[in-house]
Amino acid sequence: MEIIFVLVALLLSCIVILVFLLLTAGIACIFGASFALFFRRAVWLLLLPPLCVLYGWIVGRERFVVKEAEIVSPALPETFDGYRIVQISDLHLRSFRGRPNSLGRVVEKINARNPDIVVFTGDLVTSHPDEIAPLAEILGHIEAPVYSVMGNHDYCPYNRWSSAAEQLEAVREVREWEARLGWTLLDDRNVTLERGGDEISLIGVQNISSMRQFASRGNLAKAMGGADADFKILLSHDPTLWRSGVLGATDIGLTLSGHTHNAQLKLLGWEPSRLMFRENSGLYREETASGLQYLYVNDGLGETMFPVRIGVPGEISVICLRRKN
């Protein structure tokens, strides 16, 4: 499927470039230039799409960057000032099949940041739980406590199952693997994080999306039940929940999401993922009746459909909580 998608994308890109060349050659001809000469000199542009894909496959997806963000809130208890959270997302472990050393580098970068906790905002697999076993030992080397939520791919809807029961068993296996890794899976529930006698609430919701093509399975009200700390953090795989159900409707100070991958493509500042997602990558904040509310959208580490990353390296986010600037 991924090969077919890449070939179709290359074909469409080459067609667009070819049409552009024909139009520009025609315009040049109007002004006295030779149509054939102009076309021959510019036809090399047809090599750009395959060269970009080759770069994204060999080089781009092997790049992992650490991005830092500071979240300032007067609701944060004093003892949590300087609390460090590493966020990772969208591993899509099929992406790392045959590339265990690459995943090992990711884990090394996580541990090198010495976080208080690590949060994983969904999509451990692409389509099947059998992606996990070959790489589980590497993920088990993450040193800090890990809290996670389910992403849309973790419900394994993109595989051909013989029955609904078989798919449910696959989802159970994904959850079971996260437990084996020692991760705390927050399925519509929350935990209290303590430090120096103070508390903050960490809330996890199953996938909820305002886009029809992605199934919504979570219950935010249930997830927030009993979360009564002054400062609350929400793990939500899909960032569209922030605007549709969090912003102004709750007192959640920080939402951490993934899902978009920033389309794994950024060219000359152009991000096609913005055509689908209002909040597609990085840090967002808005002042509401509940105070300043933040959203951070992680670009993910793996790939789906398009096994390349062009201008969008895999991301490890370091979120530092501050009581004041």
C-alpha atoms as a PDB file:
ATOM      1  CA  MET A   1       0.000   0.000   0.000  1.00  0.00           C
ATOM      2  CA  GLU A   2       2.796   2.442   0.899  1.00  0.00           C
ATOM      3  CA  ILE A   3       4.610   1.725  -2.392  1.00  0.00           C
ATOM      4  CA  ILE A   4       1.405   2.360  -4.353  1.00  0.00           C
ATOM      5  CA  PHE A   5       0.833   5.620  -2.474  1.00  0.00           C
ATOM      6  CA  VAL A   6       4.399   6.794  -3.204  1.00  0.00           C
ATOM      7  CA  LEU A   7       4.115   5.910  -6.902  1.00  0.00           C
ATOM      8  CA  VAL A   8       0.794   7.739  -7.211  1.00  0.00           C
ATOM      9  CA  ALA A   9       2.223  10.786  -5.414  1.00  0.00           C
ATOM     10  CA  LEU A  10       5.261  10.794  -7.715  1.00  0.00           C
ATOM     11  CA  LEU A  11       3.085  10.466 -10.801  1.00  0.00           C
ATOM     12  CA  LEU A  12       0.814  13.339  -9.765  1.00  0.00           C
ATOM     13  CA  SER A  13       3.814  15.524  -8.878  1.00  0.00           C
ATOM     14  CA  CYS A  14       5.437  14.860 -12.250  1.00  0.00           C
ATOM     15  CA  ILE A  15       2.179  15.628 -14.059  1.00  0.00           C
ATOM     16  CA  VAL A  16       1.875  18.962 -12.227  1.00  0.00           C
ATOM     17  CA  ILE A  17       5.472  19.860 -13.094  1.00  0.00           C
ATOM     18  CA  LEU A  18       4.987  18.780 -16.723  1.00  0.00           C
ATOM     19  CA  VAL A  19       1.878  20.951 -17.089  1.00  0.00           C
ATOM     20  CA  PHE A  20       3.771  23.854 -15.518  1.00  0.00           C
ATOM     21  CA  LEU A  21       6.676  23.382 -17.953  1.00  0.00           C
ATOM     22  CA  LEU A  22       4.361  23.253 -20.965  1.00  0.00           C
ATOM     23  CA  LEU A  23       2.576  26.431 -19.877  1.00  0.00           C
ATOM     24  CA  THR A  24       5.785  28.353 -19.151  1.00  0.00           C
ATOM     25  CA  ALA A  25       7.373  27.134 -22.402  1.00  0.00           C
ATOM     26  CA  GLY A  26       4.275  28.324 -24.264  1.00  0.00           C
ATOM     27  CA  ILE A  27       4.454  31.735 -22.600  1.00  0.00           C
ATOM     28  CA  ALA A  28       8.188  31.948 -23.391  1.00  0.00           C
ATOM     29  CA  CYS A  29       7.381  31.100 -27.005  1.00  0.00           C
ATOM     30  CA  ILE A  30       4.994  34.070 -27.177  1.00  0.00           C
ATOM     31  CA  PHE A  31       7.895  36.344 -26.276  1.00  0.00           C
ATOM     32  CA  GLY A  32      10.130  34.930 -28.994  1.00  0.00           C
ATOM     33  CA  ALA A  33      11.914  32.073 -27.215  1.00  0.00           C
ATOM     34  CA  SER A  34      12.186  28.610 -28.730  1.00  0.00           C
ATOM     35  CA  PHE A  35       9.522  26.335 -27.229  1.00  0.00           C
ATOM     36  CA  ALA A  36      11.626  23.183 -27.724  1.00  0.00           C
ATOM     37  CA  LEU A  37      14.831  24.754 -26.377  1.00  0.00           C
ATOM     38  CA  PHE A  38      13.096  26.186 -23.294  1.00  0.00           C
ATOM     39  CA  PHE A  39      11.374  22.864 -22.578  1.00  0.00           C
ATOM     40  CA  ARG A  40      14.580  20.832 -22.927  1.00  0.00           C
ATOM     41  CA  ARG A  41      16.462  23.126 -20.572  1.00  0.00           C
ATOM     42  CA  ALA A  42      13.757  22.951 -17.908  1.00  0.00           C
ATOM     43  CA  VAL A  43      12.714  19.297 -18.193  1.00  0.00           C
ATOM     44  CA  TRP A  44      15.231  18.337 -15.474  1.00  0.00           C
ATOM     45  CA  LEU A  45      12.658  19.656 -12.978  1.00  0.00           C
ATOM     46  CA  LEU A  46      10.861  16.323 -13.425  1.00  0.00           C
ATOM     47  CA  LEU A  47      13.686  14.780 -11.383  1.00  0.00           C
ATOM     48  CA  LEU A  48      12.785  16.830  -8.293  1.00  0.00           C
ATOM     49  CA  PRO A  49       9.906  14.657  -6.964  1.00  0.00           C
ATOM     50  CA  PRO A  50      11.829  11.337  -7.021  1.00  0.00           C
ATOM     51  CA  LEU A  51      14.936  13.027  -5.602  1.00  0.00           C
ATOM     52  CA  CYS A  52      12.898  14.548  -2.751  1.00  0.00           C
ATOM     53  CA  VAL A  53      11.304  11.182  -1.979  1.00  0.00           C
ATOM     54  CA  LEU A  54      14.693   9.471  -2.037  1.00  0.00           C
ATOM     55  CA  TYR A  55      16.069  12.075   0.361  1.00  0.00           C
ATOM     56  CA  GLY A  56      13.058  11.775   2.662  1.00  0.00           C
ATOM     57  CA  TRP A  57      13.360   7.995   2.746  1.00  0.00           C
ATOM     58  CA  ILE A  58      17.139   7.691   3.224  1.00  0.00           C
ATOM     59  CA  VAL A  59      17.930  10.867   5.178  1.00  0.00           C
ATOM     60  CA  GLY A  60      14.770  12.664   6.286  1.00  0.00           C
ATOM     61  CA  ARG A  61      13.225   9.938   8.388  1.00  0.00           C
ATOM     62  CA  GLU A  62      16.542   9.272  10.121  1.00  0.00           C
ATOM     63  CA  ARG A  63      16.584  12.791  11.559  1.00  0.00           C
ATOM     64  CA  PHE A  64      15.234  13.207  15.100  1.00  0.00           C
ATOM     65  CA  VAL A  65      15.157  16.650  16.665  1.00  0.00           C
ATOM     66  CA  VAL A  66      14.510  17.808  20.210  1.00  0.00           C
ATOM     67  CA  LYS A  67      12.166  20.794  20.476  1.00  0.00           C
ATOM     68  CA  GLU A  68      11.625  22.676  23.714  1.00  0.00           C
ATOM     69  CA  ALA A  69       8.587  24.598  24.884  1.00  0.00           C
ATOM     70  CA  GLU A  70       7.869  26.461  28.112  1.00  0.00           C
ATOM     71  CA  ILE A  71       4.387  26.462  29.628  1.00  0.00           C
ATOM     72  CA  VAL A  72       3.731  29.274  32.103  1.00  0.00           C
ATOM     73  CA  SER A  73       0.740  29.137  34.438  1.00  0.00           C
ATOM     74  CA  PRO A  74       0.020  30.752  37.820  1.00  0.00           C
ATOM     75  CA  ALA A  75      -2.114  27.660  38.585  1.00  0.00           C
ATOM     76  CA  LEU A  76       1.010  25.499  38.660  1.00  0.00           C
ATOM     77  CA  PRO A  77       2.092  24.593  42.213  1.00  0.00           C
ATOM     78  CA  GLU A  78       5.448  26.055  43.220  1.00  0.00           C
ATOM     79  CA  THR A  79       7.090  22.655  43.684  1.00  0.00           C
ATOM     80  CA  PHE A  80       6.311  21.796  40.037  1.00  0.00           C
ATOM     81  CA  ASP A  81       8.161  24.864  38.753  1.00  0.00           C
ATOM     82  CA  GLY A  82      10.758  23.438  36.353  1.00  0.00           C
ATOM     83  CA  TYR A  83       8.973  20.078  35.982  1.00  0.00           C
ATOM     84  CA  ARG A  84      10.112  18.479  32.726  1.00  0.00           C
ATOM     85  CA  ILE A  85       7.892  16.365  30.495  1.00  0.00           C
ATOM     86  CA  VAL A  86       9.171  14.619  27.391  1.00  0.00           C
ATOM     87  CA  GLN A  87       6.448  14.019  24.840  1.00  0.00           C
ATOM     88  CA  ILE A  88       6.712  11.478  22.032  1.00  0.00           C
ATOM     89  CA  SER A  89       3.975  10.508  19.619  1.00  0.00           C
ATOM     90  CA  ASP A  90       3.006   8.454  16.578  1.00  0.00           C
ATOM     91  CA  LEU A  91       5.722   5.826  16.689  1.00  0.00           C
ATOM     92  CA  HIS A  92       3.924   3.657  14.101  1.00  0.00           C
ATOM     93  CA  LEU A  93       6.368   0.882  14.878  1.00  0.00           C
ATOM     94  CA  ARG A  94       6.064  -0.609  11.402  1.00  0.00           C
ATOM     95  CA  SER A  95       8.115   2.445  10.385  1.00  0.00           C
ATOM     96  CA  PHE A  96      11.041   1.130  12.448  1.00  0.00           C
ATOM     97  CA  ARG A  97      10.936  -2.422  11.109  1.00  0.00           C
ATOM     98  CA  GLY A  98      14.495  -3.130  10.025  1.00  0.00           C
ATOM     99  CA  ARG A  99      15.651   0.089  11.743  1.00  0.00           C
ATOM    100  CA  PRO A 100      16.066  -0.843  15.421  1.00  0.00           C
ATOM    101  CA  ASN A 101      19.153   1.363  15.781  1.00  0.00           C
ATOM    102  CA  SER A 102      17.083   4.378  14.770  1.00  0.00           C
ATOM    103  CA  LEU A 103      14.561   3.679  17.516  1.00  0.00           C
ATOM    104  CA  GLY A 104      17.465   3.141  19.903  1.00  0.00           C
ATOM    105  CA  ARG A 105      18.723   6.644  19.123  1.00  0.00           C
ATOM    106  CA  VAL A 106      15.276   8.014  19.945  1.00  0.00           C
ATOM    107  CA  VAL A 107      15.314   6.309  23.352  1.00  0.00           C
ATOM    108  CA  GLU A 108      18.829   7.628  24.030  1.00  0.00           C
ATOM    109  CA  LYS A 109      17.704  11.173  23.255  1.00  0.00           C
ATOM    110  CA  ILE A 110      14.711  10.778  25.589  1.00  0.00           C
ATOM    111  CA  ASN A 111      16.846   9.527  28.485  1.00  0.00           C
ATOM    112  CA  ALA A 112      19.467  12.224  27.885  1.00  0.00           C
ATOM    113  CA  ARG A 113      16.853  14.893  28.702  1.00  0.00           C
ATOM    114  CA  ASN A 114      16.372  13.396  32.188  1.00  0.00           C
ATOM    115  CA  PRO A 115      12.610  14.065  32.244  1.00  0.00           C
ATOM    116  CA  ASP A 116      10.381  13.726  35.288  1.00  0.00           C
ATOM    117  CA  ILE A 117       7.891  11.797  33.151  1.00  0.00           C
ATOM    118  CA  VAL A 118       7.480  10.752  29.517  1.00  0.00           C
ATOM    119  CA  VAL A 119       4.097  10.948  27.802  1.00  0.00           C
ATOM    120  CA  PHE A 120       3.159   9.077  24.645  1.00  0.00           C
ATOM    121  CA  THR A 121       0.219  10.564  22.753  1.00  0.00           C
ATOM    122  CA  GLY A 122      -0.883   7.586  20.706  1.00  0.00           C
ATOM    123  CA  ASP A 123      -0.410   5.489  17.575  1.00  0.00           C
ATOM    124  CA  LEU A 124       2.018   2.881  18.818  1.00  0.00           C
ATOM    125  CA  VAL A 125       1.219   0.717  15.778  1.00  0.00           C
ATOM    126  CA  THR A 126       0.147   1.333  12.210  1.00  0.00           C
ATOM    127  CA  SER A 127      -2.191  -1.585  11.630  1.00  0.00           C
ATOM    128  CA  HIS A 128      -1.312  -4.675  13.688  1.00  0.00           C
ATOM    129  CA  PRO A 129      -0.016  -5.483  17.204  1.00  0.00           C
ATOM    130  CA  ASP A 130       2.690  -7.749  15.774  1.00  0.00           C
ATOM    131  CA  GLU A 131       4.669  -4.580  15.043  1.00  0.00           C
ATOM    132  CA  ILE A 132       5.470  -4.225  18.755  1.00  0.00           C
ATOM    133  CA  ALA A 133       7.277  -7.431  19.754  1.00  0.00           C
ATOM    134  CA  PRO A 134      10.511  -6.949  17.718  1.00  0.00           C
ATOM    135  CA  LEU A 135      11.017  -3.460  19.200  1.00  0.00           C
ATOM    136  CA  ALA A 136       9.575  -3.829  22.690  1.00  0.00           C
ATOM    137  CA  GLU A 137      12.964  -4.382  24.348  1.00  0.00           C
ATOM    138  CA  ILE A 138      14.260  -1.071  22.976  1.00  0.00           C
ATOM    139  CA  LEU A 139      11.193   0.843  24.193  1.00  0.00           C
ATOM    140  CA  GLY A 140      11.628  -0.822  27.581  1.00  0.00           C
ATOM    141  CA  HIS A 141      14.872   1.129  28.053  1.00  0.00           C
ATOM    142  CA  ILE A 142      13.008   4.428  28.565  1.00  0.00           C
ATOM    143  CA  GLU A 143      14.026   5.282  32.113  1.00  0.00           C
ATOM    144  CA  ALA A 144      11.341   7.731  33.267  1.00  0.00           C
ATOM    145  CA  PRO A 145       7.736   6.703  34.034  1.00  0.00           C
ATOM    146  CA  VAL A 146       5.680   6.626  30.822  1.00  0.00           C
ATOM    147  CA  TYR A 147       1.998   7.624  30.565  1.00  0.00           C
ATOM    148  CA  SER A 148       0.150   6.944  27.323  1.00  0.00           C
ATOM    149  CA  VAL A 149      -3.149   7.147  25.440  1.00  0.00           C
ATOM    150  CA  MET A 150      -4.582   5.313  22.454  1.00  0.00           C
ATOM    151  CA  GLY A 151      -4.441   6.830  18.971  1.00  0.00           C
ATOM    152  CA  ASN A 152      -6.751   6.077  16.050  1.00  0.00           C
ATOM    153  CA  HIS A 153      -4.312   3.488  14.614  1.00  0.00           C
ATOM    154  CA  ASP A 154      -4.099   1.663  17.949  1.00  0.00           C
ATOM    155  CA  TYR A 155      -7.658   0.416  17.410  1.00  0.00           C
ATOM    156  CA  CYS A 156      -6.285  -1.385  14.328  1.00  0.00           C
ATOM    157  CA  PRO A 157      -9.010  -0.249  11.881  1.00  0.00           C
ATOM    158  CA  TYR A 158      -6.684  -0.233   8.868  1.00  0.00           C
ATOM    159  CA  ASN A 159      -6.185  -3.976   8.634  1.00  0.00           C
ATOM    160  CA  ARG A 160      -8.384  -6.637   7.039  1.00  0.00           C
ATOM    161  CA  TRP A 161      -9.840  -8.655   9.884  1.00  0.00           C
ATOM    162  CA  SER A 162     -11.953 -11.765   9.479  1.00  0.00           C
ATOM    163  CA  SER A 163     -14.333 -10.576  12.197  1.00  0.00           C
ATOM    164  CA  ALA A 164     -15.000  -7.774  14.663  1.00  0.00           C
ATOM    165  CA  ALA A 165     -13.911 -10.102  17.451  1.00  0.00           C
ATOM    166  CA  GLU A 166     -10.516 -10.544  15.817  1.00  0.00           C
ATOM    167  CA  GLN A 167     -10.035  -6.777  15.671  1.00  0.00           C
ATOM    168  CA  LEU A 168     -11.043  -6.429  19.336  1.00  0.00           C
ATOM    169  CA  GLU A 169      -8.438  -9.046  20.213  1.00  0.00           C
ATOM    170  CA  ALA A 170      -5.815  -7.027  18.334  1.00  0.00           C
ATOM    171  CA  VAL A 171      -6.734  -3.895  20.297  1.00  0.00           C
ATOM    172  CA  ARG A 172      -6.502  -5.890  23.523  1.00  0.00           C
ATOM    173  CA  GLU A 173      -2.991  -6.982  22.500  1.00  0.00           C
ATOM    174  CA  VAL A 174      -1.915  -3.388  21.920  1.00  0.00           C
ATOM    175  CA  ARG A 175      -3.120  -2.450  25.401  1.00  0.00           C
ATOM    176  CA  GLU A 176      -1.451  -5.529  26.865  1.00  0.00           C
ATOM    177  CA  TRP A 177       1.877  -4.667  25.253  1.00  0.00           C
ATOM    178  CA  GLU A 178       1.781  -1.167  26.757  1.00  0.00           C
ATOM    179  CA  ALA A 179       1.253  -2.771  30.174  1.00  0.00           C
ATOM    180  CA  ARG A 180       4.196  -5.127  29.555  1.00  0.00           C
ATOM    181  CA  LEU A 181       6.359  -2.125  28.734  1.00  0.00           C
ATOM    182  CA  GLY A 182       5.468  -0.710  32.125  1.00  0.00           C
ATOM    183  CA  TRP A 183       3.539   2.198  30.612  1.00  0.00           C
ATOM    184  CA  THR A 184       0.481   3.580  32.385  1.00  0.00           C
ATOM    185  CA  LEU A 185      -2.301   3.663  29.791  1.00  0.00           C
ATOM    186  CA  LEU A 186      -4.866   6.354  30.563  1.00  0.00           C
ATOM    187  CA  ASP A 187      -8.065   5.100  28.953  1.00  0.00           C
ATOM    188  CA  ASP A 188     -10.543   7.850  29.860  1.00  0.00           C
ATOM    189  CA  ARG A 189      -9.067   8.245  33.314  1.00  0.00           C
ATOM    190  CA  ASN A 190      -6.601  10.373  35.213  1.00  0.00           C
ATOM    191  CA  VAL A 191      -3.787  10.086  37.730  1.00  0.00           C
ATOM    192  CA  THR A 192      -2.429  12.498  40.294  1.00  0.00           C
ATOM    193  CA  LEU A 193       1.224  13.466  40.038  1.00  0.00           C
ATOM    194  CA  GLU A 194       2.791  14.465  43.351  1.00  0.00           C
ATOM    195  CA  ARG A 195       5.863  16.525  44.080  1.00  0.00           C
ATOM    196  CA  GLY A 196       6.913  18.079  47.364  1.00  0.00           C
ATOM    197  CA  GLY A 197       3.421  17.729  48.801  1.00  0.00           C
ATOM    198  CA  ASP A 198       1.767  19.416  45.808  1.00  0.00           C
ATOM    199  CA  GLU A 199      -0.317  17.815  43.062  1.00  0.00           C
ATOM    200  CA  ILE A 200      -1.217  18.205  39.403  1.00  0.00           C
ATOM    201  CA  SER A 201      -3.687  16.095  37.414  1.00  0.00           C
ATOM    202  CA  LEU A 202      -2.673  14.115  34.334  1.00  0.00           C
ATOM    203  CA  ILE A 203      -5.719  13.163  32.260  1.00  0.00           C
ATOM    204  CA  GLY A 204      -5.815  10.734  29.355  1.00  0.00           C
ATOM    205  CA  VAL A 205      -8.666  10.390  26.881  1.00  0.00           C
ATOM    206  CA  GLN A 206      -9.206   7.769  24.217  1.00  0.00           C
ATOM    207  CA  ASN A 207      -9.213   9.085  20.658  1.00  0.00           C
ATOM    208  CA  ILE A 208     -11.747  11.852  20.044  1.00  0.00           C
ATOM    209  CA  SER A 209     -11.801  13.687  16.724  1.00  0.00           C
ATOM    210  CA  SER A 210     -13.974  16.358  15.161  1.00  0.00           C
ATOM    211  CA  MET A 211     -13.147  14.883  11.724  1.00  0.00           C
ATOM    212  CA  ARG A 212     -15.506  12.211  10.395  1.00  0.00           C
ATOM    213  CA  GLN A 213     -12.803   9.955   8.967  1.00  0.00           C
ATOM    214  CA  PHE A 214     -11.377   9.340  12.445  1.00  0.00           C
ATOM    215  CA  ALA A 215     -13.517   7.410  14.921  1.00  0.00           C
ATOM    216  CA  SER A 216     -14.216   8.976  18.303  1.00  0.00           C
ATOM    217  CA  ARG A 217     -14.114   6.527  21.198  1.00  0.00           C
ATOM    218  CA  GLY A 218     -13.293   8.633  24.225  1.00  0.00           C
ATOM    219  CA  ASN A 219     -15.291  10.323  26.958  1.00  0.00           C
ATOM    220  CA  LEU A 220     -13.653  13.512  28.195  1.00  0.00           C
ATOM    221  CA  ALA A 221     -16.079  14.027  31.085  1.00  0.00           C
ATOM    222  CA  LYS A 222     -15.342  10.521  32.339  1.00  0.00           C
ATOM    223  CA  ALA A 223     -11.607  11.047  31.903  1.00  0.00           C
ATOM    224  CA  MET A 224     -11.730  14.226  34.011  1.00  0.00           C
ATOM    225  CA  GLY A 225     -13.776  12.679  36.802  1.00  0.00           C
ATOM    226  CA  GLY A 226     -12.053  13.272  40.136  1.00  0.00           C
ATOM    227  CA  ALA A 227      -9.223  15.320  38.592  1.00  0.00           C
ATOM    228  CA  ASP A 228      -9.368  18.213  41.045  1.00  0.00           C
ATOM    229  CA  ALA A 229      -5.825  19.615  41.041  1.00  0.00           C
ATOM    230  CA  ASP A 230      -5.509  23.294  40.159  1.00  0.00           C
ATOM    231  CA  PHE A 231      -3.291  22.527  37.154  1.00  0.00           C
ATOM    232  CA  LYS A 232      -4.442  19.881  34.692  1.00  0.00           C
ATOM    233  CA  ILE A 233      -2.684  18.293  31.711  1.00  0.00           C
ATOM    234  CA  LEU A 234      -4.632  16.378  29.060  1.00  0.00           C
ATOM    235  CA  LEU A 235      -3.211  13.728  26.730  1.00  0.00           C
ATOM    236  CA  SER A 236      -5.354  13.620  23.588  1.00  0.00           C
ATOM    237  CA  HIS A 237      -4.070  11.982  20.422  1.00  0.00           C
ATOM    238  CA  ASP A 238      -6.120  14.148  18.068  1.00  0.00           C
ATOM    239  CA  PRO A 239      -5.546  17.918  18.476  1.00  0.00           C
ATOM    240  CA  THR A 240      -9.008  18.823  17.123  1.00  0.00           C
ATOM    241  CA  LEU A 241     -10.415  17.994  20.572  1.00  0.00           C
ATOM    242  CA  TRP A 242      -8.667  21.068  21.984  1.00  0.00           C
ATOM    243  CA  ARG A 243     -10.845  23.509  20.076  1.00  0.00           C
ATOM    244  CA  SER A 244     -14.010  21.387  20.014  1.00  0.00           C
ATOM    245  CA  GLY A 245     -14.106  20.234  23.626  1.00  0.00           C
ATOM    246  CA  VAL A 246     -11.342  21.692  25.800  1.00  0.00           C
ATOM    247  CA  LEU A 247     -10.809  25.361  24.975  1.00  0.00           C
ATOM    248  CA  GLY A 248     -13.114  27.500  27.096  1.00  0.00           C
ATOM    249  CA  ALA A 249     -15.175  24.456  28.099  1.00  0.00           C
ATOM    250  CA  THR A 250     -12.774  23.070  30.728  1.00  0.00           C
ATOM    251  CA  ASP A 251     -10.053  24.342  33.039  1.00  0.00           C
ATOM    252  CA  ILE A 252      -7.378  22.125  31.450  1.00  0.00           C
ATOM    253  CA  GLY A 253      -4.225  24.227  31.289  1.00  0.00           C
ATOM    254  CA  LEU A 254      -2.205  22.141  28.840  1.00  0.00           C
ATOM    255  CA  THR A 255      -3.206  19.665  26.139  1.00  0.00           C
ATOM    256  CA  LEU A 256      -0.591  17.455  24.479  1.00  0.00           C
ATOM    257  CA  SER A 257      -1.432  15.905  21.100  1.00  0.00           C
ATOM    258  CA  GLY A 258       0.072  14.342  17.996  1.00  0.00           C
ATOM    259  CA  HIS A 259      -1.727  12.710  15.059  1.00  0.00           C
ATOM    260  CA  THR A 260      -0.991  15.233  12.284  1.00  0.00           C
ATOM    261  CA  HIS A 261       2.682  14.262  11.615  1.00  0.00           C
ATOM    262  CA  ASN A 262       2.686  17.768  10.095  1.00  0.00           C
ATOM    263  CA  ALA A 263       1.968  15.721   6.942  1.00  0.00           C
ATOM    264  CA  GLN A 264       5.664  14.637   7.042  1.00  0.00           C
ATOM    265  CA  LEU A 265       6.189  17.422   4.508  1.00  0.00           C
ATOM    266  CA  LYS A 266       7.307  21.038   4.725  1.00  0.00           C
ATOM    267  CA  LEU A 267       8.649  22.876   1.704  1.00  0.00           C
ATOM    268  CA  LEU A 268       9.940  26.449   1.818  1.00  0.00           C
ATOM    269  CA  GLY A 269       7.766  27.143   4.851  1.00  0.00           C
ATOM    270  CA  TRP A 270       4.635  25.668   3.256  1.00  0.00           C
ATOM    271  CA  GLU A 271       2.910  23.101   5.471  1.00  0.00           C
ATOM    272  CA  PRO A 272       0.155  21.203   3.634  1.00  0.00           C
ATOM    273  CA  SER A 273      -1.127  19.829   6.955  1.00  0.00           C
ATOM    274  CA  ARG A 274      -2.589  23.290   7.619  1.00  0.00           C
ATOM    275  CA  LEU A 275      -5.174  22.532   4.958  1.00  0.00           C
ATOM    276  CA  MET A 276      -6.626  19.873   7.297  1.00  0.00           C
ATOM    277  CA  PHE A 277      -5.718  20.978  10.800  1.00  0.00           C
ATOM    278  CA  ARG A 278      -6.115  24.453  12.273  1.00  0.00           C
ATOM    279  CA  GLU A 279      -3.560  23.469  14.921  1.00  0.00           C
ATOM    280  CA  ASN A 280      -1.127  21.285  12.995  1.00  0.00           C
ATOM    281  CA  SER A 281       2.298  21.574  14.646  1.00  0.00           C
ATOM    282  CA  GLY A 282       3.970  23.193  17.630  1.00  0.00           C
ATOM    283  CA  LEU A 283       2.660  25.397  20.448  1.00  0.00           C
ATOM    284  CA  TYR A 284      -0.682  27.224  20.543  1.00  0.00           C
ATOM    285  CA  ARG A 285      -2.280  29.251  23.320  1.00  0.00           C
ATOM    286  CA  GLU A 286      -5.465  31.194  23.889  1.00  0.00           C
ATOM    287  CA  GLU A 287      -6.832  33.243  26.767  1.00  0.00           C
ATOM    288  CA  THR A 288     -10.251  32.045  27.927  1.00  0.00           C
ATOM    289  CA  ALA A 289     -12.483  32.467  30.975  1.00  0.00           C
ATOM    290  CA  SER A 290     -10.509  29.567  32.475  1.00  0.00           C
ATOM    291  CA  GLY A 291      -7.243  31.447  31.980  1.00  0.00           C
ATOM    292  CA  LEU A 292      -4.427  30.809  29.511  1.00  0.00           C
ATOM    293  CA  GLN A 293      -4.844  27.408  27.841  1.00  0.00           C
ATOM    294  CA  TYR A 294      -2.081  25.736  25.839  1.00  0.00           C
ATOM    295  CA  LEU A 295      -1.917  23.064  23.152  1.00  0.00           C
ATOM    296  CA  TYR A 296       1.254  21.406  21.924  1.00  0.00           C
ATOM    297  CA  VAL A 297       1.108  19.282  18.754  1.00  0.00           C
ATOM    298  CA  ASN A 298       4.041  16.895  18.329  1.00  0.00           C
ATOM    299  CA  ASP A 299       5.140  16.006  14.761  1.00  0.00           C
ATOM    300  CA  GLY A 300       5.573  12.321  15.649  1.00  0.00           C
ATOM    301  CA  LEU A 301       8.419   9.892  15.079  1.00  0.00           C
ATOM    302  CA  GLY A 302       7.133   7.315  12.588  1.00  0.00           C
ATOM    303  CA  GLU A 303       5.376   7.477   9.256  1.00  0.00           C
ATOM    304  CA  THR A 304       2.134   6.270   7.694  1.00  0.00           C
ATOM    305  CA  MET A 305       1.260   5.826   4.012  1.00  0.00           C
ATOM    306  CA  PHE A 306       4.212   7.931   2.885  1.00  0.00           C
ATOM    307  CA  PRO A 307       7.446   6.362   4.308  1.00  0.00           C
ATOM    308  CA  VAL A 308       9.426   9.596   4.040  1.00  0.00           C
ATOM    309  CA  ARG A 309       9.928  12.820   5.966  1.00  0.00           C
ATOM    310  CA  ILE A 310      10.729  15.916   3.942  1.00  0.00           C
ATOM    311  CA  GLY A 311      11.406  19.013   6.030  1.00  0.00           C
ATOM    312  CA  VAL A 312       9.639  17.467   9.044  1.00  0.00           C
ATOM    313  CA  PRO A 313      12.084  15.413  11.145  1.00  0.00           C
ATOM    314  CA  GLY A 314      10.883  13.088  13.877  1.00  0.00           C
ATOM    315  CA  GLU A 315      10.217  15.064  17.043  1.00  0.00           C
ATOM    316  CA  ILE A 316      10.979  14.638  20.728  1.00  0.00           C
ATOM    317  CA  SER A 317       9.319  17.458  22.669  1.00  0.00           C
ATOM    318  CA  VAL A 318      10.598  18.724  26.008  1.00  0.00           C
ATOM    319  CA  ILE A 319       7.850  20.580  27.863  1.00  0.00           C
ATOM    320  CA  CYS A 320       9.042  22.615  30.840  1.00  0.00           C
ATOM    321  CA  LEU A 321       6.371  23.799  33.301  1.00  0.00           C
ATOM    322  CA  ARG A 322       6.862  27.227  34.870  1.00  0.00           C
ATOM    323  CA  ARG A 323       4.826  29.040  37.484  1.00  0.00           C
ATOM    324  CA  LYS A 324       5.914  32.414  36.122  1.00  0.00           C
ATOM    325  CA  ASN A 325       8.362  33.817  33.557  1.00  0.00           C
END
